[in-house]
Amino acid sequence: MKILTLIVHTNAQQTLTDQLRSLEQVSGFTFSHAEGHGAEIESDAFLSARDQVVGHTPRIRLDIMLEDADVDGVLAKLRETETGIVDQGVYWISSVDKAGRL
C-alpha cells in the first residue's frame, strides 16, 4: 500500500473531490488545512491581496491510500483532467507498513 499526498491551493478542493469520487481505484481520501510558506508564494497566481498581506498561501493537503499498482494511474488521471492542480501543487508517495481499523 502507498499513501499519495498532494498539497494544492484550496480552490481545487471541490473539483478534486468530484474527480476522485469518479475513480474506482480511490475508495476514500482525507483533506486537511495547510498553509504554504516559501519564496514561491510571490509568484503564486492564486494569491489574493489578503493572502499577500498575511504572507501564506491557503492550501489543502490530500491523503489517499492506494494499492501500489494504482498510484501511477491515479496521478495520470489527476494530471490529464481539469482539476486545477496542473503545475499548481506538489505531491509525494509514502509506503504504508500496516493499516487497519480501530
PDB file of N, CA and C in Angstrom:
ATOM      1  N   MET A   1       0.845  -1.185   0.000  1.00  0.00           N
ATOM      2  CA  MET A   1       0.000   0.000   0.000  1.00  0.00           C
ATOM      3  C   MET A   1       0.884   1.240   0.000  1.00  0.00           C
ATOM      4  N   LYS A   2       0.330   2.304  -0.545  1.00  0.00           N
ATOM      5  CA  LYS A   2       1.010   3.595  -0.591  1.00  0.00           C
ATOM      6  C   LYS A   2       0.039   4.686  -0.156  1.00  0.00           C
ATOM      7  N   ILE A   3       0.619   5.777   0.338  1.00  0.00           N
ATOM      8  CA  ILE A   3      -0.148   6.995   0.582  1.00  0.00           C
ATOM      9  C   ILE A   3       0.310   8.015  -0.448  1.00  0.00           C
ATOM     10  N   LEU A   4      -0.617   8.509  -1.235  1.00  0.00           N
ATOM     11  CA  LEU A   4      -0.365   9.600  -2.167  1.00  0.00           C
ATOM     12  C   LEU A   4      -0.810  10.873  -1.466  1.00  0.00           C
ATOM     13  N   THR A   5       0.126  11.798  -1.274  1.00  0.00           N
ATOM     14  CA  THR A   5      -0.167  13.061  -0.617  1.00  0.00           C
ATOM     15  C   THR A   5       0.007  14.181  -1.621  1.00  0.00           C
ATOM     16  N   LEU A   6      -0.998  15.045  -1.715  1.00  0.00           N
ATOM     17  CA  LEU A   6      -0.929  16.221  -2.581  1.00  0.00           C
ATOM     18  C   LEU A   6      -1.122  17.464  -1.734  1.00  0.00           C
ATOM     19  N   ILE A   7      -0.426  18.529  -2.085  1.00  0.00           N
ATOM     20  CA  ILE A   7      -0.631  19.844  -1.495  1.00  0.00           C
ATOM     21  C   ILE A   7      -1.003  20.766  -2.652  1.00  0.00           C
ATOM     22  N   VAL A   8      -2.219  21.309  -2.606  1.00  0.00           N
ATOM     23  CA  VAL A   8      -2.708  22.170  -3.681  1.00  0.00           C
ATOM     24  C   VAL A   8      -3.458  23.358  -3.088  1.00  0.00           C
ATOM     25  N   HIS A   9      -3.744  24.325  -3.928  1.00  0.00           N
ATOM     26  CA  HIS A   9      -4.494  25.502  -3.485  1.00  0.00           C
ATOM     27  C   HIS A   9      -5.916  25.092  -3.111  1.00  0.00           C
ATOM     28  N   THR A  10      -6.481  25.779  -2.136  1.00  0.00           N
ATOM     29  CA  THR A  10      -7.829  25.444  -1.662  1.00  0.00           C
ATOM     30  C   THR A  10      -8.886  25.553  -2.753  1.00  0.00           C
ATOM     31  N   ASN A  11      -8.641  26.347  -3.773  1.00  0.00           N
ATOM     32  CA  ASN A  11      -9.616  26.491  -4.860  1.00  0.00           C
ATOM     33  C   ASN A  11      -9.886  25.178  -5.595  1.00  0.00           C
ATOM     34  N   ALA A  12      -8.978  24.236  -5.506  1.00  0.00           N
ATOM     35  CA  ALA A  12      -9.103  22.980  -6.247  1.00  0.00           C
ATOM     36  C   ALA A  12      -9.876  21.910  -5.491  1.00  0.00           C
ATOM     37  N   GLN A  13     -10.289  22.161  -4.253  1.00  0.00           N
ATOM     38  CA  GLN A  13     -10.864  21.105  -3.419  1.00  0.00           C
ATOM     39  C   GLN A  13     -12.118  20.477  -4.023  1.00  0.00           C
ATOM     40  N   GLN A  14     -13.071  21.251  -4.448  1.00  0.00           N
ATOM     41  CA  GLN A  14     -14.323  20.675  -4.962  1.00  0.00           C
ATOM     42  C   GLN A  14     -14.105  19.890  -6.250  1.00  0.00           C
ATOM     43  N   THR A  15     -13.292  20.438  -7.139  1.00  0.00           N
ATOM     44  CA  THR A  15     -13.013  19.744  -8.396  1.00  0.00           C
ATOM     45  C   THR A  15     -12.271  18.438  -8.133  1.00  0.00           C
ATOM     46  N   LEU A  16     -11.310  18.476  -7.204  1.00  0.00           N
ATOM     47  CA  LEU A  16     -10.600  17.254  -6.835  1.00  0.00           C
ATOM     48  C   LEU A  16     -11.544  16.224  -6.229  1.00  0.00           C
ATOM     49  N   THR A  17     -12.432  16.674  -5.367  1.00  0.00           N
ATOM     50  CA  THR A  17     -13.402  15.770  -4.746  1.00  0.00           C
ATOM     51  C   THR A  17     -14.220  15.063  -5.812  1.00  0.00           C
ATOM     52  N   ASP A  18     -14.744  15.821  -6.761  1.00  0.00           N
ATOM     53  CA  ASP A  18     -15.552  15.233  -7.838  1.00  0.00           C
ATOM     54  C   ASP A  18     -14.737  14.239  -8.659  1.00  0.00           C
ATOM     55  N   GLN A  19     -13.506  14.613  -8.990  1.00  0.00           N
ATOM     56  CA  GLN A  19     -12.656  13.737  -9.801  1.00  0.00           C
ATOM     57  C   GLN A  19     -12.321  12.449  -9.060  1.00  0.00           C
ATOM     58  N   LEU A  20     -11.933  12.559  -7.799  1.00  0.00           N
ATOM     59  CA  LEU A  20     -11.534  11.375  -7.037  1.00  0.00           C
ATOM     60  C   LEU A  20     -12.700  10.423  -6.809  1.00  0.00           C
ATOM     61  N   ARG A  21     -13.891  10.968  -6.593  1.00  0.00           N
ATOM     62  CA  ARG A  21     -15.064  10.098  -6.409  1.00  0.00           C
ATOM     63  C   ARG A  21     -15.404   9.314  -7.662  1.00  0.00           C
ATOM     64  N   SER A  22     -14.941   9.768  -8.809  1.00  0.00           N
ATOM     65  CA  SER A  22     -15.223   9.072 -10.062  1.00  0.00           C
ATOM     66  C   SER A  22     -14.203   7.971 -10.371  1.00  0.00           C
ATOM     67  N   LEU A  23     -13.130   7.882  -9.592  1.00  0.00           N
ATOM     68  CA  LEU A  23     -12.089   6.887  -9.848  1.00  0.00           C
ATOM     69  C   LEU A  23     -12.326   5.642  -9.008  1.00  0.00           C
ATOM     70  N   GLU A  24     -12.443   4.500  -9.657  1.00  0.00           N
ATOM     71  CA  GLU A  24     -12.713   3.265  -8.927  1.00  0.00           C
ATOM     72  C   GLU A  24     -11.546   2.829  -8.050  1.00  0.00           C
ATOM     73  N   GLN A  25     -10.322   3.288  -8.350  1.00  0.00           N
ATOM     74  CA  GLN A  25      -9.155   2.925  -7.547  1.00  0.00           C
ATOM     75  C   GLN A  25      -9.148   3.637  -6.188  1.00  0.00           C
ATOM     76  N   VAL A  26      -9.933   4.707  -6.066  1.00  0.00           N
ATOM     77  CA  VAL A  26      -9.941   5.517  -4.850  1.00  0.00           C
ATOM     78  C   VAL A  26     -11.179   5.176  -4.031  1.00  0.00           C
ATOM     79  N   SER A  27     -10.958   4.569  -2.859  1.00  0.00           N
ATOM     80  CA  SER A  27     -12.099   4.203  -2.008  1.00  0.00           C
ATOM     81  C   SER A  27     -12.409   5.278  -0.978  1.00  0.00           C
ATOM     82  N   GLY A  28     -11.486   6.199  -0.759  1.00  0.00           N
ATOM     83  CA  GLY A  28     -11.690   7.287   0.192  1.00  0.00           C
ATOM     84  C   GLY A  28     -10.464   8.168   0.232  1.00  0.00           C
ATOM     85  N   PHE A  29     -10.605   9.336   0.821  1.00  0.00           N
ATOM     86  CA  PHE A  29      -9.493  10.274   0.905  1.00  0.00           C
ATOM     87  C   PHE A  29      -9.767  11.266   2.023  1.00  0.00           C
ATOM     88  N   THR A  30      -8.725  11.981   2.432  1.00  0.00           N
ATOM     89  CA  THR A  30      -8.828  12.933   3.529  1.00  0.00           C
ATOM     90  C   THR A  30      -8.232  14.273   3.116  1.00  0.00           C
ATOM     91  N   PHE A  31      -8.973  15.363   3.365  1.00  0.00           N
ATOM     92  CA  PHE A  31      -8.464  16.714   3.176  1.00  0.00           C
ATOM     93  C   PHE A  31      -8.101  17.293   4.528  1.00  0.00           C
ATOM     94  N   SER A  32      -7.003  18.037   4.581  1.00  0.00           N
ATOM     95  CA  SER A  32      -6.591  18.760   5.786  1.00  0.00           C
ATOM     96  C   SER A  32      -6.174  20.165   5.381  1.00  0.00           C
ATOM     97  N   HIS A  33      -6.391  21.130   6.273  1.00  0.00           N
ATOM     98  CA  HIS A  33      -5.966  22.503   6.032  1.00  0.00           C
ATOM     99  C   HIS A  33      -4.445  22.571   6.086  1.00  0.00           C
ATOM    100  N   ALA A  34      -3.860  23.366   5.202  1.00  0.00           N
ATOM    101  CA  ALA A  34      -2.410  23.576   5.200  1.00  0.00           C
ATOM    102  C   ALA A  34      -2.132  25.010   4.769  1.00  0.00           C
ATOM    103  N   GLU A  35      -0.995  25.530   5.179  1.00  0.00           N
ATOM    104  CA  GLU A  35      -0.563  26.863   4.775  1.00  0.00           C
ATOM    105  C   GLU A  35       0.791  26.746   4.100  1.00  0.00           C
ATOM    106  N   GLY A  36       0.908  27.303   2.898  1.00  0.00           N
ATOM    107  CA  GLY A  36       2.172  27.267   2.184  1.00  0.00           C
ATOM    108  C   GLY A  36       3.013  28.490   2.492  1.00  0.00           C
ATOM    109  N   HIS A  37       4.236  28.259   2.901  1.00  0.00           N
ATOM    110  CA  HIS A  37       5.184  29.338   3.168  1.00  0.00           C
ATOM    111  C   HIS A  37       6.431  29.076   2.342  1.00  0.00           C
ATOM    112  N   GLY A  38       6.906  30.078   1.620  1.00  0.00           N
ATOM    113  CA  GLY A  38       8.122  29.903   0.851  1.00  0.00           C
ATOM    114  C   GLY A  38       8.304  31.034  -0.141  1.00  0.00           C
ATOM    115  N   ALA A  39       9.444  31.047  -0.782  1.00  0.00           N
ATOM    116  CA  ALA A  39       9.768  32.111  -1.729  1.00  0.00           C
ATOM    117  C   ALA A  39       8.840  32.109  -2.932  1.00  0.00           C
ATOM    118  N   GLU A  40       8.321  30.945  -3.297  1.00  0.00           N
ATOM    119  CA  GLU A  40       7.480  30.856  -4.491  1.00  0.00           C
ATOM    120  C   GLU A  40       6.121  31.531  -4.332  1.00  0.00           C
ATOM    121  N   ILE A  41       5.725  31.880  -3.111  1.00  0.00           N
ATOM    122  CA  ILE A  41       4.401  32.479  -2.951  1.00  0.00           C
ATOM    123  C   ILE A  41       4.314  33.846  -3.615  1.00  0.00           C
ATOM    124  N   GLU A  42       5.430  34.500  -3.853  1.00  0.00           N
ATOM    125  CA  GLU A  42       5.410  35.795  -4.521  1.00  0.00           C
ATOM    126  C   GLU A  42       4.913  35.675  -5.954  1.00  0.00           C
ATOM    127  N   SER A  43       5.108  34.529  -6.577  1.00  0.00           N
ATOM    128  CA  SER A  43       4.676  34.346  -7.962  1.00  0.00           C
ATOM    129  C   SER A  43       3.415  33.500  -8.074  1.00  0.00           C
ATOM    130  N   ASP A  44       2.747  33.228  -6.959  1.00  0.00           N
ATOM    131  CA  ASP A  44       1.550  32.393  -6.940  1.00  0.00           C
ATOM    132  C   ASP A  44       0.360  33.174  -7.492  1.00  0.00           C
ATOM    133  N   ALA A  45      -0.163  32.745  -8.619  1.00  0.00           N
ATOM    134  CA  ALA A  45      -1.272  33.445  -9.277  1.00  0.00           C
ATOM    135  C   ALA A  45      -2.566  33.378  -8.476  1.00  0.00           C
ATOM    136  N   PHE A  46      -2.673  32.427  -7.544  1.00  0.00           N
ATOM    137  CA  PHE A  46      -3.891  32.273  -6.751  1.00  0.00           C
ATOM    138  C   PHE A  46      -3.951  33.193  -5.535  1.00  0.00           C
ATOM    139  N   LEU A  47      -2.857  33.864  -5.231  1.00  0.00           N
ATOM    140  CA  LEU A  47      -2.839  34.699  -4.030  1.00  0.00           C
ATOM    141  C   LEU A  47      -3.740  35.925  -4.183  1.00  0.00           C
ATOM    142  N   SER A  48      -4.588  36.140  -3.212  1.00  0.00           N
ATOM    143  CA  SER A  48      -5.384  37.358  -3.159  1.00  0.00           C
ATOM    144  C   SER A  48      -4.562  38.426  -2.444  1.00  0.00           C
ATOM    145  N   ALA A  49      -5.068  39.651  -2.436  1.00  0.00           N
ATOM    146  CA  ALA A  49      -4.376  40.717  -1.714  1.00  0.00           C
ATOM    147  C   ALA A  49      -4.254  40.356  -0.234  1.00  0.00           C
ATOM    148  N   ARG A  50      -5.309  39.758   0.324  1.00  0.00           N
ATOM    149  CA  ARG A  50      -5.281  39.344   1.732  1.00  0.00           C
ATOM    150  C   ARG A  50      -4.181  38.324   1.983  1.00  0.00           C
ATOM    151  N   ASP A  51      -4.077  37.336   1.071  1.00  0.00           N
ATOM    152  CA  ASP A  51      -3.052  36.302   1.229  1.00  0.00           C
ATOM    153  C   ASP A  51      -1.653  36.907   1.186  1.00  0.00           C
ATOM    154  N   GLN A  52      -1.454  37.897   0.312  1.00  0.00           N
ATOM    155  CA  GLN A  52      -0.149  38.531   0.209  1.00  0.00           C
ATOM    156  C   GLN A  52       0.198  39.272   1.501  1.00  0.00           C
ATOM    157  N   VAL A  53      -0.794  39.896   2.118  1.00  0.00           N
ATOM    158  CA  VAL A  53      -0.556  40.607   3.376  1.00  0.00           C
ATOM    159  C   VAL A  53      -0.282  39.615   4.502  1.00  0.00           C
ATOM    160  N   VAL A  54      -1.095  38.546   4.566  1.00  0.00           N
ATOM    161  CA  VAL A  54      -0.927  37.543   5.613  1.00  0.00           C
ATOM    162  C   VAL A  54       0.402  36.818   5.459  1.00  0.00           C
ATOM    163  N   GLY A  55       0.830  36.613   4.228  1.00  0.00           N
ATOM    164  CA  GLY A  55       2.134  36.005   3.982  1.00  0.00           C
ATOM    165  C   GLY A  55       2.136  34.513   3.794  1.00  0.00           C
ATOM    166  N   HIS A  56       0.982  33.917   3.531  1.00  0.00           N
ATOM    167  CA  HIS A  56       0.962  32.484   3.231  1.00  0.00           C
ATOM    168  C   HIS A  56      -0.109  32.183   2.195  1.00  0.00           C
ATOM    169  N   THR A  57       0.050  31.039   1.579  1.00  0.00           N
ATOM    170  CA  THR A  57      -0.887  30.589   0.564  1.00  0.00           C
ATOM    171  C   THR A  57      -1.845  29.577   1.178  1.00  0.00           C
ATOM    172  N   PRO A  58      -3.161  29.786   1.053  1.00  0.00           N
ATOM    173  CA  PRO A  58      -4.099  28.803   1.593  1.00  0.00           C
ATOM    174  C   PRO A  58      -4.061  27.521   0.754  1.00  0.00           C
ATOM    175  N   ARG A  59      -3.758  26.434   1.399  1.00  0.00           N
ATOM    176  CA  ARG A  59      -3.624  25.148   0.715  1.00  0.00           C
ATOM    177  C   ARG A  59      -4.448  24.090   1.428  1.00  0.00           C
ATOM    178  N   ILE A  60      -4.636  22.994   0.724  1.00  0.00           N
ATOM    179  CA  ILE A  60      -5.205  21.810   1.326  1.00  0.00           C
ATOM    180  C   ILE A  60      -4.231  20.665   1.101  1.00  0.00           C
ATOM    181  N   ARG A  61      -4.230  19.771   2.050  1.00  0.00           N
ATOM    182  CA  ARG A  61      -3.449  18.546   1.931  1.00  0.00           C
ATOM    183  C   ARG A  61      -4.442  17.425   1.683  1.00  0.00           C
ATOM    184  N   LEU A  62      -4.139  16.603   0.722  1.00  0.00           N
ATOM    185  CA  LEU A  62      -4.993  15.486   0.350  1.00  0.00           C
ATOM    186  C   LEU A  62      -4.189  14.211   0.526  1.00  0.00           C
ATOM    187  N   ASP A  63      -4.700  13.273   1.319  1.00  0.00           N
ATOM    188  CA  ASP A  63      -4.062  11.977   1.523  1.00  0.00           C
ATOM    189  C   ASP A  63      -4.985  10.885   1.000  1.00  0.00           C
ATOM    190  N   ILE A  64      -4.420  10.014   0.158  1.00  0.00           N
ATOM    191  CA  ILE A  64      -5.179   8.908  -0.426  1.00  0.00           C
ATOM    192  C   ILE A  64      -4.381   7.622  -0.242  1.00  0.00           C
ATOM    193  N   MET A  65      -4.984   6.613   0.344  1.00  0.00           N
ATOM    194  CA  MET A  65      -4.336   5.309   0.450  1.00  0.00           C
ATOM    195  C   MET A  65      -4.701   4.503  -0.788  1.00  0.00           C
ATOM    196  N   LEU A  66      -3.672   4.005  -1.457  1.00  0.00           N
ATOM    197  CA  LEU A  66      -3.873   3.293  -2.724  1.00  0.00           C
ATOM    198  C   LEU A  66      -3.060   2.005  -2.760  1.00  0.00           C
ATOM    199  N   GLU A  67      -3.530   1.082  -3.566  1.00  0.00           N
ATOM    200  CA  GLU A  67      -2.722  -0.091  -3.877  1.00  0.00           C
ATOM    201  C   GLU A  67      -1.518   0.395  -4.683  1.00  0.00           C
ATOM    202  N   ASP A  68      -0.384  -0.270  -4.519  1.00  0.00           N
ATOM    203  CA  ASP A  68       0.838   0.136  -5.222  1.00  0.00           C
ATOM    204  C   ASP A  68       0.604   0.297  -6.723  1.00  0.00           C
ATOM    205  N   ALA A  69      -0.105  -0.645  -7.317  1.00  0.00           N
ATOM    206  CA  ALA A  69      -0.325  -0.642  -8.761  1.00  0.00           C
ATOM    207  C   ALA A  69      -1.231   0.491  -9.237  1.00  0.00           C
ATOM    208  N   ASP A  70      -1.964   1.129  -8.331  1.00  0.00           N
ATOM    209  CA  ASP A  70      -2.913   2.173  -8.720  1.00  0.00           C
ATOM    210  C   ASP A  70      -2.352   3.592  -8.660  1.00  0.00           C
ATOM    211  N   VAL A  71      -1.208   3.780  -8.015  1.00  0.00           N
ATOM    212  CA  VAL A  71      -0.686   5.135  -7.786  1.00  0.00           C
ATOM    213  C   VAL A  71      -0.444   5.876  -9.098  1.00  0.00           C
ATOM    214  N   ASP A  72       0.280   5.270 -10.019  1.00  0.00           N
ATOM    215  CA  ASP A  72       0.608   5.956 -11.271  1.00  0.00           C
ATOM    216  C   ASP A  72      -0.641   6.276 -12.091  1.00  0.00           C
ATOM    217  N   GLY A  73      -1.617   5.386 -12.085  1.00  0.00           N
ATOM    218  CA  GLY A  73      -2.853   5.633 -12.820  1.00  0.00           C
ATOM    219  C   GLY A  73      -3.653   6.795 -12.242  1.00  0.00           C
ATOM    220  N   VAL A  74      -3.721   6.873 -10.923  1.00  0.00           N
ATOM    221  CA  VAL A  74      -4.440   7.979 -10.278  1.00  0.00           C
ATOM    222  C   VAL A  74      -3.718   9.295 -10.558  1.00  0.00           C
ATOM    223  N   LEU A  75      -2.403   9.301 -10.447  1.00  0.00           N
ATOM    224  CA  LEU A  75      -1.646  10.514 -10.766  1.00  0.00           C
ATOM    225  C   LEU A  75      -1.865  10.947 -12.210  1.00  0.00           C
ATOM    226  N   ALA A  76      -1.873   9.999 -13.122  1.00  0.00           N
ATOM    227  CA  ALA A  76      -2.090  10.322 -14.532  1.00  0.00           C
ATOM    228  C   ALA A  76      -3.467  10.943 -14.747  1.00  0.00           C
ATOM    229  N   LYS A  77      -4.494  10.398 -14.092  1.00  0.00           N
ATOM    230  CA  LYS A  77      -5.844  10.961 -14.214  1.00  0.00           C
ATOM    231  C   LYS A  77      -5.911  12.384 -13.667  1.00  0.00           C
ATOM    232  N   LEU A  78      -5.255  12.617 -12.554  1.00  0.00           N
ATOM    233  CA  LEU A  78      -5.263  13.958 -11.970  1.00  0.00           C
ATOM    234  C   LEU A  78      -4.528  14.956 -12.854  1.00  0.00           C
ATOM    235  N   ARG A  79      -3.517  14.502 -13.551  1.00  0.00           N
ATOM    236  CA  ARG A  79      -2.754  15.389 -14.439  1.00  0.00           C
ATOM    237  C   ARG A  79      -3.492  15.689 -15.742  1.00  0.00           C
ATOM    238  N   GLU A  80      -4.328  14.785 -16.217  1.00  0.00           N
ATOM    239  CA  GLU A  80      -4.954  14.975 -17.528  1.00  0.00           C
ATOM    240  C   GLU A  80      -6.307  15.672 -17.466  1.00  0.00           C
ATOM    241  N   THR A  81      -6.836  15.881 -16.304  1.00  0.00           N
ATOM    242  CA  THR A  81      -8.166  16.469 -16.188  1.00  0.00           C
ATOM    243  C   THR A  81      -8.100  17.923 -15.780  1.00  0.00           C
ATOM    244  N   GLU A  82      -9.227  18.553 -15.765  1.00  0.00           N
ATOM    245  CA  GLU A  82      -9.335  19.959 -15.396  1.00  0.00           C
ATOM    246  C   GLU A  82      -9.492  20.114 -13.887  1.00  0.00           C
ATOM    247  N   THR A  83      -8.548  19.569 -13.145  1.00  0.00           N
ATOM    248  CA  THR A  83      -8.637  19.628 -11.687  1.00  0.00           C
ATOM    249  C   THR A  83      -8.156  20.958 -11.134  1.00  0.00           C
ATOM    250  N   GLY A  84      -7.460  21.728 -11.940  1.00  0.00           N
ATOM    251  CA  GLY A  84      -6.912  22.984 -11.452  1.00  0.00           C
ATOM    252  C   GLY A  84      -5.623  22.808 -10.670  1.00  0.00           C
ATOM    253  N   ILE A  85      -5.027  21.611 -10.739  1.00  0.00           N
ATOM    254  CA  ILE A  85      -3.801  21.388  -9.970  1.00  0.00           C
ATOM    255  C   ILE A  85      -2.561  21.232 -10.844  1.00  0.00           C
ATOM    256  N   VAL A  86      -2.730  21.171 -12.150  1.00  0.00           N
ATOM    257  CA  VAL A  86      -1.583  21.003 -13.021  1.00  0.00           C
ATOM    258  C   VAL A  86      -0.655  22.204 -12.852  1.00  0.00           C
ATOM    259  N   ASP A  87       0.584  21.933 -12.506  1.00  0.00           N
ATOM    260  CA  ASP A  87       1.606  22.953 -12.240  1.00  0.00           C
ATOM    261  C   ASP A  87       1.245  23.863 -11.069  1.00  0.00           C
ATOM    262  N   GLN A  88       0.335  23.440 -10.198  1.00  0.00           N
ATOM    263  CA  GLN A  88      -0.082  24.277  -9.072  1.00  0.00           C
ATOM    264  C   GLN A  88       0.114  23.605  -7.719  1.00  0.00           C
ATOM    265  N   GLY A  89       0.714  22.452  -7.698  1.00  0.00           N
ATOM    266  CA  GLY A  89       0.865  21.766  -6.423  1.00  0.00           C
ATOM    267  C   GLY A  89       2.052  20.838  -6.420  1.00  0.00           C
ATOM    268  N   VAL A  90       2.201  20.146  -5.302  1.00  0.00           N
ATOM    269  CA  VAL A  90       3.270  19.163  -5.153  1.00  0.00           C
ATOM    270  C   VAL A  90       2.661  17.870  -4.618  1.00  0.00           C
ATOM    271  N   TYR A  91       3.382  16.780  -4.799  1.00  0.00           N
ATOM    272  CA  TYR A  91       2.918  15.500  -4.254  1.00  0.00           C
ATOM    273  C   TYR A  91       4.115  14.685  -3.813  1.00  0.00           C
ATOM    274  N   TRP A  92       3.830  13.697  -2.979  1.00  0.00           N
ATOM    275  CA  TRP A  92       4.813  12.688  -2.637  1.00  0.00           C
ATOM    276  C   TRP A  92       4.086  11.391  -2.339  1.00  0.00           C
ATOM    277  N   ILE A  93       4.843  10.321  -2.386  1.00  0.00           N
ATOM    278  CA  ILE A  93       4.291   8.986  -2.164  1.00  0.00           C
ATOM    279  C   ILE A  93       5.065   8.341  -1.029  1.00  0.00           C
ATOM    280  N   SER A  94       4.336   7.792  -0.066  1.00  0.00           N
ATOM    281  CA  SER A  94       4.940   7.138   1.093  1.00  0.00           C
ATOM    282  C   SER A  94       4.457   5.697   1.179  1.00  0.00           C
ATOM    283  N   SER A  95       5.316   4.833   1.656  1.00  0.00           N
ATOM    284  CA  SER A  95       4.938   3.438   1.864  1.00  0.00           C
ATOM    285  C   SER A  95       4.127   3.302   3.144  1.00  0.00           C
ATOM    286  N   VAL A  96       3.205   2.361   3.139  1.00  0.00           N
ATOM    287  CA  VAL A  96       2.399   2.051   4.321  1.00  0.00           C
ATOM    288  C   VAL A  96       2.798   0.651   4.774  1.00  0.00           C
ATOM    289  N   ASP A  97       3.323   0.561   5.974  1.00  0.00           N
ATOM    290  CA  ASP A  97       3.739  -0.731   6.504  1.00  0.00           C
ATOM    291  C   ASP A  97       2.550  -1.541   6.996  1.00  0.00           C
ATOM    292  N   LYS A  98       1.575  -0.854   7.554  1.00  0.00           N
ATOM    293  CA  LYS A  98       0.429  -1.547   8.119  1.00  0.00           C
ATOM    294  C   LYS A  98      -0.743  -0.573   8.166  1.00  0.00           C
ATOM    295  N   ALA A  99      -1.948  -1.074   7.945  1.00  0.00           N
ATOM    296  CA  ALA A  99      -3.144  -0.232   8.025  1.00  0.00           C
ATOM    297  C   ALA A  99      -4.306  -1.100   8.492  1.00  0.00           C
ATOM    298  N   GLY A 100      -5.273  -0.471   9.119  1.00  0.00           N
ATOM    299  CA  GLY A 100      -6.434  -1.205   9.585  1.00  0.00           C
ATOM    300  C   GLY A 100      -7.410  -0.271  10.260  1.00  0.00           C
ATOM    301  N   ARG A 101      -8.409  -0.842  10.851  1.00  0.00           N
ATOM    302  CA  ARG A 101      -9.436  -0.058  11.575  1.00  0.00           C
ATOM    303  C   ARG A 101      -9.279  -0.288  13.048  1.00  0.00           C
ATOM    304  N   LEU A 102      -9.579   0.731  13.827  1.00  0.00           N
ATOM    305  CA  LEU A 102      -9.515   0.624  15.286  1.00  0.00           C
ATOM    306  C   LEU A 102     -10.869   0.241  15.849  1.00  0.00           C
TER     307      LEU A 102
END
